[in-house]
Amino acid sequence: MKTILLSIVILFASLSVVLAHGGKKHKRDSVKTADSIAMAQQHIAGDTVHHHDEGMTHDEKKITADLADFPTLHPLIVHFAIVLIIVAAAMQLLNLYFMKKEISWIITAILFAGVLAAWFASKNFHPHTHGLTEHAKQVLAQHDRWADWTVNSGIVALILQLLNLFLFKNMRWAAAIIAMVLAVSAYSVARAGHYGAQLVHIEGIGPQGKYLEMEHEH
């Protein structure tokens, strides 16, 4: 009998300890759960505001930007120079075989447009920079150097092409000289484009107007 009573007392004592411990643990878990819920609600609310702001920003942006939205028009013009001068050089080399006057006139028109685009890109619409590192300044100097070679050799090739059409009547030896000068111009514009790409994609100059003076007239 005494053994039974002692067992009952020990059982109730154990239950009391377990229940007391369980109650405290439940209270702490409740506090943690409440804090977790509050943090989750704040996170969801923050994400909602963040996504809302992003949505508003994207909605307000125009799909097709106006010319005035660009920090500089240089990249919009210079690509015409790159393509047209290289195409003119390739066509001139090809025309050394055919020696067609009609093709020579087409080359003249393409070269004129390419040289004009190169001139505007390197002179009128050359972006002014500020705050460049010394390394970026050296890259920019190389870019400008090859841009000058492009314009100067392109002008020489254009003059020689006109002389060949009107004075030499599309002679093969004159066309060969023009082809060599155009090859120099094509190589120069390719090198200028290489340094231009390096300035943008490696040095970070130009995107969103970074390191540029926001003056379109330059």
Protein backbone atom coordinates (compact mmCIF):
# COMPACT_ATOMS: atom_id res chain seq x y z
CA MET A 1 0.00 0.00 0.00
CA LYS A 2 2.78 2.34 0.94
CA THR A 3 4.53 1.44 -2.32
CA ILE A 4 1.41 2.32 -4.33
CA LEU A 5 0.95 5.63 -2.53
CA LEU A 6 4.64 6.47 -3.04
CA SER A 7 4.37 5.66 -6.74
CA ILE A 8 1.29 7.88 -7.08
CA VAL A 9 3.07 10.77 -5.35
CA ILE A 10 6.13 10.39 -7.61
CA LEU A 11 3.89 10.22 -10.70
CA PHE A 12 2.04 13.42 -9.77
CA ALA A 13 5.33 15.16 -8.96
CA SER A 14 6.75 14.16 -12.34
CA LEU A 15 3.61 15.35 -14.16
CA SER A 16 3.80 18.67 -12.33
CA VAL A 17 7.40 19.18 -13.38
CA VAL A 18 6.66 18.20 -16.98
CA LEU A 19 3.59 20.42 -17.16
CA ALA A 20 5.44 23.32 -15.56
CA HIS A 21 8.33 22.93 -17.99
CA GLY A 22 5.98 22.51 -20.92
CA GLY A 23 4.10 25.65 -20.00
CA LYS A 24 7.26 27.73 -19.96
CA LYS A 25 8.41 26.29 -23.26
CA HIS A 26 5.04 26.98 -24.82
CA LYS A 27 5.20 30.55 -23.61
CA ARG A 28 8.63 31.08 -25.16
CA ASP A 29 7.52 29.39 -28.39
CA SER A 30 4.47 31.64 -28.48
CA VAL A 31 6.64 34.71 -28.15
CA LYS A 32 8.99 33.44 -30.87
CA THR A 33 6.05 32.58 -33.10
CA ALA A 34 4.52 36.00 -32.60
CA ASP A 35 7.85 37.66 -33.40
CA SER A 36 8.26 35.47 -36.49
CA ILE A 37 4.78 36.35 -37.69
CA ALA A 38 5.43 40.05 -37.15
CA MET A 39 8.75 39.88 -39.01
CA ALA A 40 7.14 37.94 -41.84
CA GLN A 41 4.38 40.51 -42.12
CA GLN A 42 6.93 43.33 -42.22
CA HIS A 43 8.95 41.44 -44.85
CA ILE A 44 5.86 40.87 -46.98
CA ALA A 45 4.84 44.50 -46.60
CA GLY A 46 8.35 45.62 -47.51
CA ASP A 47 8.43 43.38 -50.55
CA THR A 48 5.04 44.65 -51.59
CA VAL A 49 6.22 48.25 -51.37
CA HIS A 50 9.48 47.39 -53.11
CA HIS A 51 7.78 45.59 -55.98
CA HIS A 52 5.22 48.37 -56.17
CA ASP A 53 7.98 50.94 -56.48
CA GLU A 54 9.72 48.86 -59.11
CA GLY A 55 6.49 48.45 -60.99
CA MET A 56 5.86 52.16 -60.90
CA THR A 57 9.40 52.86 -62.12
CA HIS A 58 9.15 50.44 -65.04
CA ASP A 59 5.67 51.66 -65.94
CA GLU A 60 6.82 55.27 -65.98
CA LYS A 61 9.77 54.57 -68.29
CA LYS A 62 9.26 54.97 -72.02
CA ILE A 63 9.85 51.99 -74.25
CA THR A 64 11.36 54.17 -76.97
CA ALA A 65 13.56 56.91 -75.55
CA ASP A 66 13.68 60.34 -77.15
CA LEU A 67 16.98 61.70 -78.42
CA ALA A 68 16.98 64.20 -75.58
CA ASP A 69 16.95 61.32 -73.08
CA PHE A 70 20.42 60.15 -74.11
CA PRO A 71 23.39 61.66 -72.26
CA THR A 72 25.23 61.76 -75.59
CA LEU A 73 24.33 60.95 -79.20
CA HIS A 74 27.81 59.62 -79.92
CA PRO A 75 26.91 55.89 -79.81
CA LEU A 76 23.88 56.47 -82.05
CA ILE A 77 26.06 58.03 -84.76
CA VAL A 78 29.39 56.24 -84.48
CA HIS A 79 27.97 52.82 -85.39
CA PHE A 80 26.99 54.16 -88.82
CA ALA A 81 30.61 55.20 -89.36
CA ILE A 82 31.91 51.78 -88.32
CA VAL A 83 29.59 49.85 -90.62
CA LEU A 84 29.72 52.15 -93.64
CA ILE A 85 33.51 52.55 -93.75
CA ILE A 86 34.13 48.82 -93.39
CA VAL A 87 31.53 48.07 -96.08
CA ALA A 88 33.10 50.66 -98.40
CA ALA A 89 36.54 49.11 -97.92
CA ALA A 90 35.22 45.60 -98.62
CA MET A 91 33.38 46.76 -101.75
CA GLN A 92 36.47 48.60 -103.01
CA LEU A 93 38.55 45.44 -102.69
CA LEU A 94 35.85 43.50 -104.52
CA ASN A 95 35.65 46.11 -107.27
CA LEU A 96 39.35 45.66 -108.01
CA TYR A 97 38.21 42.52 -109.84
CA PHE A 98 35.06 43.88 -111.53
CA MET A 99 36.18 47.50 -112.08
CA LYS A 100 32.60 48.67 -112.54
CA LYS A 101 32.05 52.41 -112.50
CA GLU A 102 28.56 51.91 -111.10
CA ILE A 103 30.02 50.08 -108.09
CA SER A 104 32.59 52.85 -107.68
CA TRP A 105 29.78 55.41 -107.41
CA ILE A 106 28.01 53.28 -104.81
CA ILE A 107 31.27 53.02 -102.86
CA THR A 108 31.66 56.79 -103.07
CA ALA A 109 28.18 57.36 -101.63
CA ILE A 110 28.71 54.83 -98.83
CA LEU A 111 32.14 56.25 -98.02
CA PHE A 112 30.80 59.81 -97.96
CA ALA A 113 28.09 58.82 -95.47
CA GLY A 114 30.61 56.89 -93.36
CA VAL A 115 33.15 59.70 -93.23
CA LEU A 116 30.39 62.20 -92.42
CA ALA A 117 29.16 60.02 -89.56
CA ALA A 118 32.72 59.57 -88.29
CA TRP A 119 33.29 63.32 -88.41
CA PHE A 120 30.14 64.11 -86.44
CA ALA A 121 30.81 61.33 -83.93
CA SER A 122 34.39 62.46 -83.27
CA LYS A 123 33.86 66.23 -83.43
CA ASN A 124 30.33 67.57 -82.93
CA PHE A 125 29.00 64.73 -80.79
CA HIS A 126 32.14 63.65 -79.00
CA PRO A 127 31.17 63.36 -75.31
CA HIS A 128 33.07 65.44 -72.79
CA THR A 129 34.21 63.47 -69.75
CA HIS A 130 35.15 64.23 -66.15
CA GLY A 131 36.47 62.36 -63.14
CA LEU A 132 38.24 59.64 -65.13
CA THR A 133 40.98 57.48 -63.67
CA GLU A 134 44.45 57.71 -65.19
CA HIS A 135 43.97 54.33 -66.84
CA ALA A 136 40.63 55.39 -68.34
CA LYS A 137 42.26 58.57 -69.67
CA GLN A 138 44.89 56.48 -71.45
CA VAL A 139 42.20 54.28 -73.01
CA LEU A 140 40.26 57.39 -74.08
CA ALA A 141 43.42 58.83 -75.65
CA GLN A 142 43.85 55.67 -77.73
CA HIS A 143 40.19 55.81 -78.75
CA ASP A 144 40.53 59.43 -79.89
CA ARG A 145 43.81 58.67 -81.68
CA TRP A 146 42.27 55.91 -83.80
CA ALA A 147 39.14 58.01 -84.38
CA ASP A 148 41.34 60.74 -85.87
CA TRP A 149 43.05 58.17 -88.08
CA THR A 150 39.62 57.00 -89.22
CA VAL A 151 38.42 60.46 -90.19
CA ASN A 152 41.66 61.57 -91.85
CA SER A 153 42.20 58.38 -93.87
CA GLY A 154 38.51 58.33 -94.79
CA ILE A 155 38.69 61.87 -96.14
CA VAL A 156 41.83 61.02 -98.15
CA ALA A 157 40.13 57.92 -99.56
CA LEU A 158 37.05 59.95 -100.51
CA ILE A 159 39.13 62.58 -102.31
CA LEU A 160 41.08 59.90 -104.15
CA GLN A 161 37.86 58.16 -105.11
CA LEU A 162 36.44 61.35 -106.61
CA LEU A 163 39.69 61.99 -108.48
CA ASN A 164 39.61 58.45 -109.82
CA LEU A 165 36.04 58.84 -111.05
CA PHE A 166 36.40 62.25 -112.68
CA LEU A 167 40.07 62.46 -113.57
CA PHE A 168 41.47 58.95 -114.00
CA LYS A 169 38.21 57.43 -115.27
CA ASN A 170 38.20 54.54 -112.81
CA MET A 171 41.69 53.20 -113.42
CA ARG A 172 42.70 49.96 -111.71
CA TRP A 173 45.96 51.29 -110.24
CA ALA A 174 44.10 54.24 -108.72
CA ALA A 175 41.43 51.91 -107.36
CA ALA A 176 44.17 49.81 -105.76
CA ILE A 177 45.59 52.85 -103.97
CA ILE A 178 42.10 53.76 -102.76
CA ALA A 179 41.62 50.21 -101.53
CA MET A 180 44.81 50.45 -99.45
CA VAL A 181 43.78 53.78 -97.93
CA LEU A 182 40.30 52.42 -97.18
CA ALA A 183 41.87 49.38 -95.54
CA VAL A 184 43.71 51.75 -93.21
CA SER A 185 40.46 53.58 -92.48
CA ALA A 186 38.58 50.34 -91.85
CA TYR A 187 41.29 49.10 -89.49
CA SER A 188 41.35 52.45 -87.69
CA VAL A 189 37.59 52.52 -87.15
CA ALA A 190 37.72 48.95 -85.86
CA ARG A 191 40.44 49.90 -83.37
CA ALA A 192 38.52 52.98 -82.30
CA GLY A 193 35.45 50.81 -81.79
CA HIS A 194 37.48 48.39 -79.68
CA TYR A 195 38.65 51.14 -77.33
CA GLY A 196 35.17 52.63 -77.32
CA ALA A 197 33.72 49.32 -76.19
CA GLN A 198 36.45 49.08 -73.54
CA LEU A 199 35.54 52.52 -72.23
CA VAL A 200 31.88 51.59 -71.90
CA HIS A 201 31.91 47.97 -70.79
CA ILE A 202 35.15 47.82 -68.77
CA GLU A 203 35.81 51.36 -67.58
CA GLY A 204 32.08 52.06 -67.11
CA ILE A 205 32.12 55.40 -68.95
CA GLY A 206 28.86 56.44 -70.57
CA PRO A 207 26.05 54.19 -69.26
CA GLN A 208 23.35 56.43 -67.73
CA GLY A 209 25.65 59.41 -68.26
CA LYS A 210 28.36 58.20 -65.86
CA TYR A 211 31.53 60.34 -66.14
CA LEU A 212 29.93 62.38 -68.92
CA GLU A 213 29.02 66.02 -69.08
CA MET A 214 25.31 66.12 -69.84
CA GLU A 215 25.56 68.46 -72.79
CA HIS A 216 24.06 67.23 -76.04
CA GLU A 217 25.63 69.93 -78.15
CA HIS A 218 29.01 68.30 -77.63
